[in-house]
């Protein structure tokens, strides 16, 4: 007997909204300038840095790879990174408050359909909790999500499965009754390692990544005005991803450990 879909777990950055290029990247550059650093993360460079999950981890990787001679005045690189990341969070929240970051097409529609059907909603993101909450407060309602797992709530970030395993524990649901929606290879792998079927909605930063572990790959969630295209997986010719598709994916992937 197969389990019906009980919950959908969403990533945030790049999945709910195009936050990376026009949000986090811009805020990082603002934090660098305010700290008197001549660092500048271009669109292309930031795309490369996104291979590292987590903002503080991304900063450390950048310093180690591209600023190896950087010497903090305090001598404490960990502290400097934490301060820069905190400043970035402030600038990011200002961008959100100014309406600079909008939801991706189809997100609100799909969330409304899921809520109307009684499907439980959760968040699993490596973004810092204040950043995730700020986006939800500006564009949706944090109360729509039963669990909001973010940032350092688990020690190992995506592609480790820890964040998804934590959410499943909080929901008290088996992976077989849930589904993840992601935008990146690391996120898709994390969900798959937690035995969750994964729907990927690619963006400009992630469309060339490897999504062999995803049950379905789309270029968006779709609206009547902006229909989505199926890039990989089995989906009826449809311009809009609906709850019926998600239920079918869960039924098709019962007992599987990976999907192609």
Protein backbone atom coordinates (compact mmCIF):
# COMPACT_ATOMS: atom_id res chain seq x y z
CA UNK A 1 0.00 0.00 0.00
CA UNK A 2 1.48 3.35 -0.99
CA UNK A 3 1.46 6.44 1.19
CA UNK A 4 -0.42 9.51 0.03
CA UNK A 5 1.28 12.89 -0.08
CA UNK A 6 1.06 14.52 3.36
CA UNK A 7 3.63 17.31 3.21
CA UNK A 8 5.73 19.35 0.78
CA UNK A 9 9.09 20.73 1.91
CA UNK A 10 10.40 23.81 0.12
CA UNK A 11 13.88 25.20 -0.25
CA UNK A 12 13.97 29.02 -0.14
CA UNK A 13 16.76 30.71 -2.10
CA UNK A 14 16.25 30.22 -5.82
CA UNK A 15 13.17 28.07 -5.21
CA UNK A 16 10.58 30.37 -3.64
CA UNK A 17 12.23 33.51 -5.00
CA UNK A 18 15.19 34.61 -7.12
CA UNK A 19 17.11 35.70 -4.05
CA UNK A 20 20.65 34.78 -4.99
CA UNK A 21 21.73 37.04 -7.85
CA UNK A 22 19.69 40.12 -6.97
CA UNK A 23 19.48 39.63 -3.21
CA UNK A 24 22.25 37.85 -1.35
CA UNK A 25 24.96 38.74 -3.89
CA UNK A 26 24.07 42.44 -3.77
CA UNK A 27 23.89 42.39 0.03
CA UNK A 28 27.29 40.70 0.30
CA UNK A 29 28.83 43.42 -1.87
CA UNK A 30 27.20 46.10 0.28
CA UNK A 31 28.66 44.46 3.40
CA UNK A 32 32.11 44.32 1.82
CA UNK A 33 32.00 48.01 0.89
CA UNK A 34 30.80 49.01 4.35
CA UNK A 35 33.73 47.09 5.88
CA UNK A 36 36.22 48.88 3.63
CA UNK A 37 36.98 45.78 1.55
CA UNK A 38 37.51 46.02 -2.20
CA UNK A 39 35.93 42.62 -2.79
CA UNK A 40 33.24 42.45 -5.46
CA UNK A 41 31.18 39.39 -6.27
CA UNK A 42 30.13 39.55 -9.90
CA UNK A 43 27.13 37.63 -11.21
CA UNK A 44 29.48 35.03 -12.68
CA UNK A 45 31.68 34.69 -9.61
CA UNK A 46 28.69 34.35 -7.32
CA UNK A 47 27.38 31.57 -9.53
CA UNK A 48 30.61 29.67 -8.89
CA UNK A 49 30.49 30.35 -5.15
CA UNK A 50 26.98 28.91 -4.95
CA UNK A 51 28.58 25.48 -5.15
CA UNK A 52 29.31 26.06 -1.45
CA UNK A 53 26.17 25.84 0.69
CA UNK A 54 25.70 28.42 3.44
CA UNK A 55 26.65 32.09 3.49
CA UNK A 56 29.43 31.92 6.09
CA UNK A 57 30.83 28.81 4.41
CA UNK A 58 30.72 30.64 1.07
CA UNK A 59 32.65 33.57 2.53
CA UNK A 60 35.32 31.29 3.96
CA UNK A 61 35.71 29.47 0.64
CA UNK A 62 36.10 32.80 -1.18
CA UNK A 63 38.79 34.02 1.20
CA UNK A 64 40.69 30.75 1.04
CA UNK A 65 40.56 30.54 -2.75
CA UNK A 66 40.72 34.14 -3.94
CA UNK A 67 41.98 36.22 -1.02
CA UNK A 68 44.64 33.92 0.50
CA UNK A 69 46.73 36.89 1.69
CA UNK A 70 43.86 38.51 3.59
CA UNK A 71 44.82 39.21 7.20
CA UNK A 72 42.00 40.39 9.51
CA UNK A 73 42.96 43.27 11.77
CA UNK A 74 41.86 41.21 14.76
CA UNK A 75 43.61 38.09 13.50
CA UNK A 76 40.34 36.18 13.89
CA UNK A 77 39.00 35.20 10.47
CA UNK A 78 36.01 33.34 11.95
CA UNK A 79 34.91 36.49 13.75
CA UNK A 80 35.31 38.67 10.66
CA UNK A 81 33.28 36.26 8.57
CA UNK A 82 30.53 36.23 11.19
CA UNK A 83 30.48 40.06 11.24
CA UNK A 84 30.35 40.30 7.45
CA UNK A 85 27.59 37.74 7.30
CA UNK A 86 25.58 39.60 9.95
CA UNK A 87 25.96 42.84 8.00
CA UNK A 88 24.92 41.06 4.82
CA UNK A 89 21.78 39.85 6.56
CA UNK A 90 20.87 43.44 7.45
CA UNK A 91 21.37 44.66 3.89
CA UNK A 92 19.44 41.68 2.52
CA UNK A 93 16.47 42.43 4.75
CA UNK A 94 16.53 46.04 3.55
CA UNK A 95 16.36 44.82 -0.06
CA UNK A 96 13.35 42.68 0.85
CA UNK A 97 11.64 45.55 2.66
CA UNK A 98 12.11 47.71 -0.45
CA UNK A 99 10.37 45.09 -2.61
CA UNK A 100 13.50 44.25 -4.60
CA UNK A 101 12.90 40.49 -4.43
CA UNK A 102 9.69 38.86 -5.65
CA UNK A 103 8.35 35.31 -5.55
CA UNK A 104 9.00 33.13 -8.57
CA UNK A 105 5.96 32.69 -10.85
CA UNK A 106 3.60 29.99 -9.64
CA UNK A 107 4.87 29.79 -6.07
CA UNK A 108 1.93 31.51 -4.41
CA UNK A 109 -0.53 29.60 -6.61
CA UNK A 110 0.93 26.20 -5.72
CA UNK A 111 1.15 27.04 -2.02
CA UNK A 112 -2.49 28.11 -2.03
CA UNK A 113 -3.52 24.85 -3.71
CA UNK A 114 -1.55 22.78 -1.21
CA UNK A 115 -2.97 24.63 1.77
CA UNK A 116 -6.52 24.33 0.47
CA UNK A 117 -6.05 20.56 0.19
CA UNK A 118 -4.70 20.25 3.74
CA UNK A 119 -1.14 19.40 2.65
CA UNK A 120 1.34 20.33 5.37
CA UNK A 121 4.10 22.78 4.41
CA UNK A 122 7.69 23.09 5.64
CA UNK A 123 10.93 24.90 4.87
CA UNK A 124 14.40 23.32 4.60
CA UNK A 125 17.06 25.87 3.73
CA UNK A 126 20.73 26.60 4.38
CA UNK A 127 19.87 30.31 4.41
CA UNK A 128 20.12 32.00 7.80
CA UNK A 129 16.84 31.93 9.73
CA UNK A 130 16.44 35.76 9.79
CA UNK A 131 16.82 35.83 5.99
CA UNK A 132 14.30 33.05 5.45
CA UNK A 133 11.80 34.67 7.81
CA UNK A 134 12.28 38.07 6.20
CA UNK A 135 11.41 36.68 2.78
CA UNK A 136 8.36 34.84 4.10
CA UNK A 137 7.16 37.90 6.01
CA UNK A 138 7.48 40.14 2.97
CA UNK A 139 6.03 37.81 0.36
CA UNK A 140 3.95 35.12 2.11
CA UNK A 141 3.09 34.22 5.72
CA UNK A 142 5.55 32.35 7.98
CA UNK A 143 2.54 30.75 9.68
CA UNK A 144 1.76 28.81 6.52
CA UNK A 145 4.79 26.62 7.24
CA UNK A 146 4.57 24.15 10.09
CA UNK A 147 8.36 23.74 10.27
CA UNK A 148 10.96 26.33 9.25
CA UNK A 149 14.39 24.72 9.38
CA UNK A 150 17.15 27.11 8.41
CA UNK A 151 20.81 28.02 8.75
CA UNK A 152 22.84 26.27 11.40
CA UNK A 153 20.01 24.26 12.96
CA UNK A 154 21.90 21.14 11.82
CA UNK A 155 25.71 20.86 11.64
CA UNK A 156 26.04 19.55 8.07
CA UNK A 157 24.51 21.57 5.25
CA UNK A 158 23.27 20.45 1.85
CA UNK A 159 24.14 18.16 0.06
CA UNK A 160 24.08 16.37 3.42
CA UNK A 161 20.55 15.14 4.19
CA UNK A 162 20.54 16.48 7.76
CA UNK A 163 18.20 19.44 7.22
CA UNK A 164 15.60 17.23 5.53
CA UNK A 165 15.92 14.53 8.16
CA UNK A 166 15.36 17.20 10.81
CA UNK A 167 12.20 18.44 9.08
CA UNK A 168 10.85 14.90 8.74
CA UNK A 169 11.43 14.35 12.46
CA UNK A 170 9.60 17.57 13.31
CA UNK A 171 6.69 16.65 11.05
CA UNK A 172 6.68 13.09 12.44
CA UNK A 173 6.17 11.84 8.89
CA UNK A 174 8.01 9.21 6.83
CA UNK A 175 9.86 10.36 3.74
CA UNK A 176 7.48 8.24 1.66
CA UNK A 177 4.65 10.65 2.52
CA UNK A 178 6.56 13.82 1.62
CA UNK A 179 8.13 15.57 -1.35
CA UNK A 180 10.83 18.25 -1.67
CA UNK A 181 10.96 21.18 -4.09
CA UNK A 182 14.46 22.46 -4.81
CA UNK A 183 16.39 24.51 -7.35
CA UNK A 184 19.97 23.21 -7.06
CA UNK A 185 21.97 20.02 -7.44
CA UNK A 186 23.16 20.17 -3.82
CA UNK A 187 19.61 20.61 -2.59
CA UNK A 188 18.27 17.81 -4.76
CA UNK A 189 20.99 15.45 -3.53
CA UNK A 190 20.24 16.37 0.09
CA UNK A 191 16.57 15.57 -0.37
CA UNK A 192 17.28 12.34 -2.24
CA UNK A 193 19.68 11.20 0.49
CA UNK A 194 16.80 11.67 2.93
CA UNK A 195 14.75 9.34 0.65
CA UNK A 196 12.50 12.16 -0.55
CA UNK A 197 11.33 12.42 -4.15
CA UNK A 198 12.47 15.78 -5.52
CA UNK A 199 10.97 18.28 -7.94
CA UNK A 200 13.56 20.76 -9.22
CA UNK A 201 12.69 24.19 -10.61
CA UNK A 202 15.89 25.47 -12.22
CA UNK A 203 17.03 29.07 -12.49
CA UNK A 204 19.80 30.79 -14.43
CA UNK A 205 22.41 29.70 -11.88
CA UNK A 206 21.38 26.05 -11.72
CA UNK A 207 19.94 25.02 -15.08
CA UNK A 208 23.23 23.38 -16.18
CA UNK A 209 23.62 21.31 -13.01
CA UNK A 210 23.15 17.55 -12.73
CA UNK A 211 19.67 16.53 -11.63
CA UNK A 212 19.70 12.80 -12.25
CA UNK A 213 18.38 12.22 -8.73
CA UNK A 214 15.28 14.37 -9.33
CA UNK A 215 11.91 12.85 -10.12
CA UNK A 216 10.98 15.91 -12.17
CA UNK A 217 12.90 18.93 -13.51
CA UNK A 218 11.03 22.08 -14.58
CA UNK A 219 11.98 25.62 -15.50
CA UNK A 220 9.39 26.95 -13.04
CA UNK A 221 6.14 26.08 -11.32
CA UNK A 222 4.00 27.73 -13.97
CA UNK A 223 1.12 30.14 -14.27
CA UNK A 224 -1.33 30.75 -17.08
CA UNK A 225 0.71 33.80 -18.06
CA UNK A 226 4.10 32.09 -17.60
CA UNK A 227 3.73 28.36 -18.28
CA UNK A 228 6.50 26.02 -17.21
CA UNK A 229 8.41 23.55 -19.35
CA UNK A 230 9.31 20.01 -18.33
CA UNK A 231 13.06 19.50 -18.78
CA UNK A 232 13.28 15.94 -17.42
CA UNK A 233 10.96 13.37 -15.89
CA UNK A 234 7.46 12.18 -16.58
CA UNK A 235 4.85 14.93 -16.61
CA UNK A 236 1.72 15.24 -18.66
CA UNK A 237 1.93 18.12 -21.11
CA UNK A 238 0.89 20.82 -18.66
CA UNK A 239 1.86 24.47 -18.29
CA UNK A 240 1.27 24.43 -14.53
CA UNK A 241 2.58 22.14 -11.77
CA UNK A 242 -0.37 21.07 -9.65
CA UNK A 243 -1.02 19.00 -6.55
CA UNK A 244 -2.23 16.12 -8.71
CA UNK A 245 1.22 15.91 -10.32
CA UNK A 246 2.94 15.86 -6.92
CA UNK A 247 0.68 13.11 -5.64
CA UNK A 248 1.43 11.05 -8.73
CA UNK A 249 5.19 11.51 -8.28
CA UNK A 250 5.01 10.34 -4.67
CA UNK A 251 3.03 7.26 -5.70
CA UNK A 252 5.48 6.47 -8.50
CA UNK A 253 8.57 6.69 -6.31
CA UNK A 254 7.41 4.58 -3.35
CA UNK A 255 10.29 2.48 -2.06
CA UNK A 256 12.89 3.94 -4.42
CA UNK A 257 16.18 5.37 -3.14
CA UNK A 258 17.01 7.40 -6.22
CA UNK A 259 15.22 8.58 -9.31
CA UNK A 260 16.18 9.38 -12.88
